[in-house]
Amino acid sequence: MSGPILNNNIRRLRFDKHMTQEELALRTGVSRQTIMSIERGQTNPSVLLAYKISAALEVPITEVFAMEGNLAPV
């Protein structure tokens, strides 16, 4: 059984704002490679970085990130 997956809309939102990965990286204080890795779903951002990304894109965090799947029952 697989766990939840964090999906993101960073690429689409960046394109809507005519923003490059480099510009988003500069606005959030991380490398372009980090932004690229998050966009591709290869890595998940910290909570702080997720909020920085949503602030840089000027959209609510729930518009940038969405969880697919269920958490394991306790």
Protein backbone atom coordinates (compact mmCIF):
# COMPACT_ATOMS: atom_id res chain seq x y z
CA MET A 1 0.00 0.00 0.00
CA SER A 2 1.47 3.35 -1.02
CA GLY A 3 1.29 6.49 1.08
CA PRO A 4 0.09 9.95 0.18
CA ILE A 5 1.71 11.92 -2.63
CA LEU A 6 2.19 15.69 -2.63
CA ASN A 7 1.23 17.11 -6.03
CA ASN A 8 2.04 20.66 -7.04
CA ASN A 9 1.06 23.25 -9.64
CA ILE A 10 4.26 25.27 -9.47
CA ARG A 11 5.13 24.99 -13.16
CA ARG A 12 1.67 26.08 -14.35
CA LEU A 13 1.51 28.93 -11.83
CA ARG A 14 5.01 30.09 -12.81
CA PHE A 15 4.02 30.15 -16.48
CA ASP A 16 0.87 32.11 -15.61
CA LYS A 17 3.08 34.72 -13.90
CA HIS A 18 5.72 34.63 -16.70
CA MET A 19 8.28 33.61 -14.06
CA THR A 20 11.37 31.46 -14.63
CA GLN A 21 12.61 28.79 -12.24
CA GLU A 22 15.58 31.06 -11.53
CA GLU A 23 13.34 33.98 -10.57
CA LEU A 24 11.23 31.79 -8.26
CA ALA A 25 14.42 30.41 -6.74
CA LEU A 26 15.74 33.93 -6.06
CA ARG A 27 12.42 34.99 -4.50
CA THR A 28 12.37 31.96 -2.20
CA GLY A 29 16.07 31.77 -1.33
CA VAL A 30 16.80 28.34 -2.81
CA SER A 31 18.60 27.08 -5.91
CA ARG A 32 17.01 26.66 -9.32
CA GLN A 33 17.77 22.94 -9.01
CA THR A 34 15.66 22.80 -5.83
CA ILE A 35 12.70 24.42 -7.60
CA MET A 36 13.14 22.04 -10.54
CA SER A 37 13.24 19.02 -8.22
CA ILE A 38 10.07 20.12 -6.40
CA GLU A 39 8.25 20.84 -9.68
CA ARG A 40 9.08 17.35 -10.93
CA GLY A 41 7.89 15.75 -7.70
CA GLN A 42 11.35 14.35 -6.96
CA THR A 43 11.46 16.06 -3.58
CA ASN A 44 8.98 17.67 -1.22
CA PRO A 45 9.57 21.16 0.18
CA SER A 46 9.71 21.97 3.85
CA VAL A 47 6.60 23.65 5.23
CA LEU A 48 8.46 26.98 5.32
CA LEU A 49 9.59 26.64 1.69
CA ALA A 50 6.07 25.66 0.60
CA TYR A 51 4.75 28.89 2.15
CA LYS A 52 7.56 30.90 0.53
CA ILE A 53 6.71 29.43 -2.86
CA SER A 54 3.02 30.23 -2.48
CA ALA A 55 3.85 33.77 -1.36
CA ALA A 56 6.21 34.29 -4.31
CA LEU A 57 3.51 33.04 -6.68
CA GLU A 58 0.93 35.20 -4.87
CA VAL A 59 -1.59 32.37 -4.46
CA PRO A 60 -2.89 30.38 -1.47
CA ILE A 61 -0.77 27.39 -0.53
CA THR A 62 -3.71 25.09 -1.29
CA GLU A 63 -3.59 26.28 -4.91
CA VAL A 64 0.09 25.32 -5.15
CA PHE A 65 0.10 21.99 -3.29
CA ALA A 66 -2.46 19.20 -2.89
CA MET A 67 -2.15 15.81 -1.25
CA GLU A 68 -3.33 12.75 -3.14
CA GLY A 69 -4.01 9.55 -1.24
CA ASN A 70 -4.67 8.82 2.41
CA LEU A 71 -2.58 8.91 5.53
CA ALA A 72 -2.00 5.66 7.38
CA PRO A 73 -4.55 5.01 10.14
CA VAL A 74 -3.25 5.34 13.69
